[in-house]
Protein backbone atom coordinates (compact mmCIF):
# COMPACT_ATOMS: atom_id res chain seq x y z
CA MET A 1 -36.13 -64.68 31.68
CA VAL A 2 -33.99 -63.64 34.52
CA PRO A 3 -34.22 -63.76 37.85
CA ALA A 4 -33.20 -60.52 40.09
CA GLN A 5 -32.86 -59.45 43.65
CA PRO A 6 -34.40 -56.54 44.82
CA ASP A 7 -31.70 -53.81 44.74
CA GLY A 8 -30.17 -54.85 41.48
CA PHE A 9 -34.31 -54.48 39.96
CA LYS A 10 -34.01 -51.20 40.81
CA ARG A 11 -31.09 -50.25 39.79
CA VAL A 12 -30.29 -51.83 37.17
CA PHE A 13 -33.01 -53.50 35.16
CA ILE A 14 -36.07 -50.41 36.02
CA GLY A 15 -33.05 -47.52 36.99
CA GLU A 16 -30.41 -48.47 33.88
CA ASN A 17 -32.60 -49.91 30.97
CA GLN A 18 -30.01 -52.82 30.50
CA TRP A 19 -29.62 -56.73 32.70
CA TRP A 20 -25.99 -58.14 33.15
CA ALA A 21 -23.85 -60.38 33.88
CA ILE A 22 -25.95 -63.07 32.36
CA ARG A 23 -24.98 -66.05 30.62
CA ILE A 24 -26.45 -66.43 27.33
CA GLY A 25 -25.58 -69.35 25.39
CA PRO A 26 -23.95 -68.84 21.29
CA ALA A 27 -26.58 -70.32 19.44
CA MET A 28 -29.55 -68.10 21.28
CA LYS A 29 -27.49 -64.60 21.71
CA ASP A 30 -28.83 -63.54 17.86
CA ARG A 31 -32.71 -65.08 18.28
CA ILE A 32 -33.40 -62.94 21.67
CA LYS A 33 -35.53 -59.90 21.04
CA TYR A 34 -36.69 -59.55 24.98
CA ILE A 35 -35.74 -59.49 28.71
CA ALA A 36 -38.60 -60.59 31.41
CA ALA A 37 -37.33 -59.36 34.84
CA TYR A 38 -38.79 -62.16 38.08
CA GLN A 39 -38.16 -60.61 40.64
CA VAL A 40 -37.60 -63.31 43.49
CA ALA A 41 -38.85 -63.39 47.45
CA PRO A 42 -40.35 -62.31 48.37
CA ILE A 43 -42.97 -60.78 45.34
CA GLY A 44 -42.04 -64.48 43.14
CA ALA A 45 -43.10 -62.92 40.26
CA VAL A 46 -42.58 -62.12 37.02
CA THR A 47 -43.46 -58.32 36.50
CA HIS A 48 -40.68 -56.38 34.01
CA PHE A 49 -40.08 -56.51 30.24
CA ALA A 50 -38.26 -55.47 27.89
CA GLU A 51 -37.36 -55.18 23.89
CA ILE A 52 -33.65 -55.57 23.69
CA ALA A 53 -31.79 -52.61 22.26
CA ASP A 54 -28.25 -54.88 22.49
CA ILE A 55 -26.54 -57.43 23.31
CA LYS A 56 -22.74 -56.40 24.45
CA PRO A 57 -19.29 -58.74 26.09
CA TYR A 58 -19.11 -58.43 29.67
CA LYS A 59 -16.26 -57.79 30.79
CA ASP A 60 -14.12 -60.47 30.39
CA THR A 61 -16.08 -63.19 31.66
CA GLY A 62 -18.07 -64.96 28.65
CA LYS A 63 -21.50 -63.06 29.75
CA TYR A 64 -23.30 -60.27 28.17
CA VAL A 65 -24.56 -57.05 29.03
CA VAL A 66 -28.30 -56.00 27.51
CA ILE A 67 -29.44 -53.50 26.85
CA PHE A 68 -33.25 -52.33 26.58
CA LYS A 69 -34.72 -50.19 23.64
CA GLN A 70 -37.02 -48.39 25.98
CA PRO A 71 -37.27 -48.83 29.61
CA ALA A 72 -38.91 -52.09 30.99
CA VAL A 73 -43.24 -52.40 31.00
CA ALA A 74 -44.47 -53.27 34.15
CA VAL A 75 -46.95 -56.80 33.26
CA GLU A 76 -49.52 -58.55 35.10
CA PRO A 77 -47.05 -60.56 38.19
CA ILE A 78 -47.16 -64.01 36.61
CA LYS A 79 -45.59 -66.33 39.68
CA PRO A 80 -45.34 -70.29 39.71
CA ARG A 81 -48.35 -72.55 40.82
CA ASP A 82 -45.76 -74.06 43.03
CA THR A 83 -44.13 -71.65 44.80
CA ARG A 84 -40.85 -73.87 45.21
CA PHE A 85 -40.06 -73.05 41.83
CA SER A 86 -37.90 -69.81 41.46
CA PRO A 87 -35.72 -69.01 38.79
CA GLN A 88 -31.71 -69.74 39.37
CA GLY A 89 -30.53 -68.92 36.42
CA PRO A 90 -31.71 -67.62 32.91
CA ILE A 91 -34.59 -69.22 31.11
CA TYR A 92 -34.95 -69.09 27.30
CA VAL A 93 -38.81 -68.75 26.98
CA GLN A 94 -41.27 -67.47 24.77
CA LYS A 95 -42.50 -63.67 25.14
CA ASP A 96 -45.99 -64.60 23.76
CA ARG A 97 -46.25 -67.86 25.57
CA LEU A 98 -44.68 -65.82 28.72
CA LEU A 99 -47.16 -63.40 28.76
CA ASN A 100 -50.80 -64.83 27.83
CA ALA A 101 -49.88 -67.94 31.23
CA LYS A 102 -51.13 -67.17 33.94
CA THR A 103 -48.89 -69.42 36.57
CA LEU A 104 -44.78 -69.23 34.99
CA GLU A 105 -45.50 -73.11 34.98
CA ASP A 106 -48.28 -71.99 31.91
CA ALA A 107 -45.38 -70.68 29.95
CA LEU A 108 -41.95 -73.37 30.09
CA LYS A 109 -45.01 -76.07 29.18
């Protein structure tokens, strides 16, 4: 799950079917199969996810670009129970756990 500002979300996550400049630990790179977007305020919820086709190095930054297999799919918004909680960086979470959660906290238990 990655936090996304409105402009980047529309232009890149939805428009380009990818997301870039993501910090991914070496041990996790080959294990990640899906990506979910947490749209920051004013939306404040996970709203879309996509299956990953490829993960490539992003320039010489030590970060990665994630390329989607297909356009991202909209999901019922998953908001935090505590509105003070807002993901500040990537968070690893299981797809089924996230998509079945009523709140972000439920997904992260």
